[in-house]
Amino acid sequence: MIRVALIALIAIGLWSSARLSYRQYQSGEACPILGPVPACYIALAGYVMMSIAVAVTITRMDWNLSWVFWLGLATAGGLALLGSAMELVKGDVCPKAYGWLPMCYVSLAFSVVIGILYALVTRGVTPPA
């Protein structure tokens, strides 16, 4: 069940960041720019790294790509943390979901839960029922 939740959350994050990146590619105005790169492209790269690491870990348990996962989580989660802080300080920095919910808050929550679930899956620890 933990693996299913982990895969589902990563898939949702990957899908959401890919859709936002595509909107950014089309319009150039979907997400904030960090230096020369739009922030949504960076988040997408983080979710891609997490997806690859989880897919390899689940299918080939003898391969250890946890460093790829943690690098991807640090990328997406760090960006979400930075965006959330900027949203609180400056306001109106992150793209909005449903017209009011800053996506960086959602991404930060996803990053925390994904990190916990991955740690549980790779350590073979399951929470008490």
C-alpha atoms as a PDB file:
ATOM      1  CA  MET A   1       0.000   0.000   0.000  1.00  0.00           C
ATOM      2  CA  ILE A   2       2.875   2.373   0.775  1.00  0.00           C
ATOM      3  CA  ARG A   3       4.417   1.707  -2.635  1.00  0.00           C
ATOM      4  CA  VAL A   4       1.120   2.460  -4.351  1.00  0.00           C
ATOM      5  CA  ALA A   5       0.787   5.750  -2.472  1.00  0.00           C
ATOM      6  CA  LEU A   6       4.401   6.641  -3.291  1.00  0.00           C
ATOM      7  CA  ILE A   7       3.944   5.904  -6.983  1.00  0.00           C
ATOM      8  CA  ALA A   8       0.621   7.763  -7.081  1.00  0.00           C
ATOM      9  CA  LEU A   9       2.024  10.911  -5.460  1.00  0.00           C
ATOM     10  CA  ILE A  10       5.072  10.951  -7.726  1.00  0.00           C
ATOM     11  CA  ALA A  11       2.853  10.406 -10.761  1.00  0.00           C
ATOM     12  CA  ILE A  12       0.583  13.294  -9.733  1.00  0.00           C
ATOM     13  CA  GLY A  13       3.585  15.547  -9.164  1.00  0.00           C
ATOM     14  CA  LEU A  14       5.123  14.507 -12.470  1.00  0.00           C
ATOM     15  CA  TRP A  15       1.858  15.064 -14.355  1.00  0.00           C
ATOM     16  CA  SER A  16       1.209  18.433 -12.722  1.00  0.00           C
ATOM     17  CA  SER A  17       4.718  19.752 -13.294  1.00  0.00           C
ATOM     18  CA  ALA A  18       4.675  18.483 -16.890  1.00  0.00           C
ATOM     19  CA  ARG A  19       1.357  20.235 -17.589  1.00  0.00           C
ATOM     20  CA  LEU A  20       2.619  23.461 -16.048  1.00  0.00           C
ATOM     21  CA  SER A  21       5.887  23.187 -17.991  1.00  0.00           C
ATOM     22  CA  TYR A  22       3.950  22.710 -21.211  1.00  0.00           C
ATOM     23  CA  ARG A  23       1.837  25.799 -20.449  1.00  0.00           C
ATOM     24  CA  GLN A  24       5.060  27.685 -19.774  1.00  0.00           C
ATOM     25  CA  TYR A  25       6.477  26.480 -23.094  1.00  0.00           C
ATOM     26  CA  GLN A  26       3.347  27.629 -24.934  1.00  0.00           C
ATOM     27  CA  SER A  27       2.781  31.006 -23.292  1.00  0.00           C
ATOM     28  CA  GLY A  28       5.980  31.861 -21.438  1.00  0.00           C
ATOM     29  CA  GLU A  29       3.921  33.129 -18.512  1.00  0.00           C
ATOM     30  CA  ALA A  30       2.838  30.066 -16.526  1.00  0.00           C
ATOM     31  CA  CYS A  31       5.560  30.022 -13.867  1.00  0.00           C
ATOM     32  CA  PRO A  32       8.272  32.253 -12.395  1.00  0.00           C
ATOM     33  CA  ILE A  33      11.715  32.404 -13.986  1.00  0.00           C
ATOM     34  CA  LEU A  34      14.763  31.542 -11.862  1.00  0.00           C
ATOM     35  CA  GLY A  35      17.707  32.968 -13.723  1.00  0.00           C
ATOM     36  CA  PRO A  36      17.538  31.585 -17.256  1.00  0.00           C
ATOM     37  CA  VAL A  37      15.230  28.635 -16.417  1.00  0.00           C
ATOM     38  CA  PRO A  38      11.517  28.607 -15.537  1.00  0.00           C
ATOM     39  CA  ALA A  39      10.886  27.166 -12.075  1.00  0.00           C
ATOM     40  CA  CYS A  40       8.390  24.608 -13.403  1.00  0.00           C
ATOM     41  CA  TYR A  41      11.128  23.050 -15.588  1.00  0.00           C
ATOM     42  CA  ILE A  42      13.281  22.594 -12.487  1.00  0.00           C
ATOM     43  CA  ALA A  43      10.396  20.980 -10.584  1.00  0.00           C
ATOM     44  CA  LEU A  44       9.728  18.691 -13.561  1.00  0.00           C
ATOM     45  CA  ALA A  45      13.382  17.604 -13.572  1.00  0.00           C
ATOM     46  CA  GLY A  46      13.115  16.744  -9.875  1.00  0.00           C
ATOM     47  CA  TYR A  47       9.973  14.651 -10.382  1.00  0.00           C
ATOM     48  CA  VAL A  48      11.570  12.881 -13.375  1.00  0.00           C
ATOM     49  CA  MET A  49      14.581  11.943 -11.227  1.00  0.00           C
ATOM     50  CA  MET A  50      12.292  10.657  -8.463  1.00  0.00           C
ATOM     51  CA  SER A  51      10.247   8.664 -10.990  1.00  0.00           C
ATOM     52  CA  ILE A  52      13.307   6.998 -12.476  1.00  0.00           C
ATOM     53  CA  ALA A  53      14.745   6.124  -9.078  1.00  0.00           C
ATOM     54  CA  VAL A  54      11.472   4.662  -7.792  1.00  0.00           C
ATOM     55  CA  ALA A  55      10.848   2.690 -10.989  1.00  0.00           C
ATOM     56  CA  VAL A  56      14.331   1.180 -10.836  1.00  0.00           C
ATOM     57  CA  THR A  57      14.120   0.520  -7.090  1.00  0.00           C
ATOM     58  CA  ILE A  58      10.790  -1.269  -7.416  1.00  0.00           C
ATOM     59  CA  THR A  59      11.714  -3.341 -10.469  1.00  0.00           C
ATOM     60  CA  ARG A  60      15.381  -4.019  -9.710  1.00  0.00           C
ATOM     61  CA  MET A  61      15.883  -4.140  -5.971  1.00  0.00           C
ATOM     62  CA  ASP A  62      19.586  -4.921  -6.454  1.00  0.00           C
ATOM     63  CA  TRP A  63      20.208  -1.474  -8.014  1.00  0.00           C
ATOM     64  CA  ASN A  64      20.625   1.371  -5.574  1.00  0.00           C
ATOM     65  CA  LEU A  65      19.565   4.662  -7.117  1.00  0.00           C
ATOM     66  CA  SER A  66      18.490   6.268  -3.876  1.00  0.00           C
ATOM     67  CA  TRP A  67      20.918   9.127  -4.476  1.00  0.00           C
ATOM     68  CA  VAL A  68      18.999   9.961  -7.680  1.00  0.00           C
ATOM     69  CA  PHE A  69      15.743   9.953  -5.736  1.00  0.00           C
ATOM     70  CA  TRP A  70      17.090  12.186  -2.963  1.00  0.00           C
ATOM     71  CA  LEU A  71      18.646  14.557  -5.508  1.00  0.00           C
ATOM     72  CA  GLY A  72      15.292  14.799  -7.302  1.00  0.00           C
ATOM     73  CA  LEU A  73      13.465  15.319  -4.016  1.00  0.00           C
ATOM     74  CA  ALA A  74      15.947  18.000  -2.972  1.00  0.00           C
ATOM     75  CA  THR A  75      15.435  19.720  -6.329  1.00  0.00           C
ATOM     76  CA  ALA A  76      11.624  19.671  -6.327  1.00  0.00           C
ATOM     77  CA  GLY A  77      11.250  20.025  -2.557  1.00  0.00           C
ATOM     78  CA  GLY A  78      13.866  22.746  -2.256  1.00  0.00           C
ATOM     79  CA  LEU A  79      12.214  24.716  -5.025  1.00  0.00           C
ATOM     80  CA  ALA A  80       8.818  24.239  -3.338  1.00  0.00           C
ATOM     81  CA  LEU A  81      10.264  25.403  -0.018  1.00  0.00           C
ATOM     82  CA  LEU A  82      11.817  28.465  -1.637  1.00  0.00           C
ATOM     83  CA  GLY A  83       8.590  29.228  -3.511  1.00  0.00           C
ATOM     84  CA  SER A  84       6.499  28.794  -0.371  1.00  0.00           C
ATOM     85  CA  ALA A  85       8.740  31.145   1.582  1.00  0.00           C
ATOM     86  CA  MET A  86       8.614  33.716  -1.220  1.00  0.00           C
ATOM     87  CA  GLU A  87       4.832  33.313  -1.434  1.00  0.00           C
ATOM     88  CA  LEU A  88       4.527  34.077   2.277  1.00  0.00           C
ATOM     89  CA  VAL A  89       6.908  37.056   2.139  1.00  0.00           C
ATOM     90  CA  LYS A  90       6.135  38.642  -1.228  1.00  0.00           C
ATOM     91  CA  GLY A  91       2.810  37.065  -2.158  1.00  0.00           C
ATOM     92  CA  ASP A  92       1.622  36.026  -5.624  1.00  0.00           C
ATOM     93  CA  VAL A  93       4.852  34.268  -6.642  1.00  0.00           C
ATOM     94  CA  CYS A  94       3.675  30.710  -7.329  1.00  0.00           C
ATOM     95  CA  PRO A  95       1.182  29.552  -9.963  1.00  0.00           C
ATOM     96  CA  LYS A  96      -2.272  28.978  -8.490  1.00  0.00           C
ATOM     97  CA  ALA A  97      -4.434  25.867  -8.556  1.00  0.00           C
ATOM     98  CA  TYR A  98      -8.194  26.356  -8.499  1.00  0.00           C
ATOM     99  CA  GLY A  99      -7.502  30.075  -8.783  1.00  0.00           C
ATOM    100  CA  TRP A 100      -6.424  30.465  -5.138  1.00  0.00           C
ATOM    101  CA  LEU A 101      -4.104  27.653  -3.913  1.00  0.00           C
ATOM    102  CA  PRO A 102      -0.385  28.305  -4.527  1.00  0.00           C
ATOM    103  CA  MET A 103       1.101  25.229  -6.229  1.00  0.00           C
ATOM    104  CA  CYS A 104       4.347  25.589  -4.291  1.00  0.00           C
ATOM    105  CA  TYR A 105       2.434  24.735  -1.082  1.00  0.00           C
ATOM    106  CA  VAL A 106       1.049  21.601  -2.704  1.00  0.00           C
ATOM    107  CA  SER A 107       4.459  20.632  -4.067  1.00  0.00           C
ATOM    108  CA  LEU A 108       6.054  21.144  -0.654  1.00  0.00           C
ATOM    109  CA  ALA A 109       3.456  18.912   1.008  1.00  0.00           C
ATOM    110  CA  PHE A 110       3.922  16.286  -1.715  1.00  0.00           C
ATOM    111  CA  SER A 111       7.707  16.435  -1.281  1.00  0.00           C
ATOM    112  CA  VAL A 112       7.510  15.824   2.465  1.00  0.00           C
ATOM    113  CA  VAL A 113       5.078  12.907   2.117  1.00  0.00           C
ATOM    114  CA  ILE A 114       6.992  11.407  -0.837  1.00  0.00           C
ATOM    115  CA  GLY A 115      10.241  11.543   1.150  1.00  0.00           C
ATOM    116  CA  ILE A 116       8.657   9.787   4.129  1.00  0.00           C
ATOM    117  CA  LEU A 117       7.051   7.109   1.948  1.00  0.00           C
ATOM    118  CA  TYR A 118      10.288   6.467   0.045  1.00  0.00           C
ATOM    119  CA  ALA A 119      12.204   6.110   3.308  1.00  0.00           C
ATOM    120  CA  LEU A 120       9.616   3.575   4.500  1.00  0.00           C
ATOM    121  CA  VAL A 121       9.725   1.607   1.233  1.00  0.00           C
ATOM    122  CA  THR A 122      13.496   1.445   0.966  1.00  0.00           C
ATOM    123  CA  ARG A 123      13.995   0.530   4.602  1.00  0.00           C
ATOM    124  CA  GLY A 124      11.259  -2.080   4.594  1.00  0.00           C
ATOM    125  CA  VAL A 125       9.552  -0.423   7.551  1.00  0.00           C
ATOM    126  CA  THR A 126       5.798  -0.261   7.577  1.00  0.00           C
ATOM    127  CA  PRO A 127       3.847   1.973   9.938  1.00  0.00           C
ATOM    128  CA  PRO A 128       1.742   0.325  12.636  1.00  0.00           C
ATOM    129  CA  ALA A 129      -1.820  -0.506  11.649  1.00  0.00           C
END
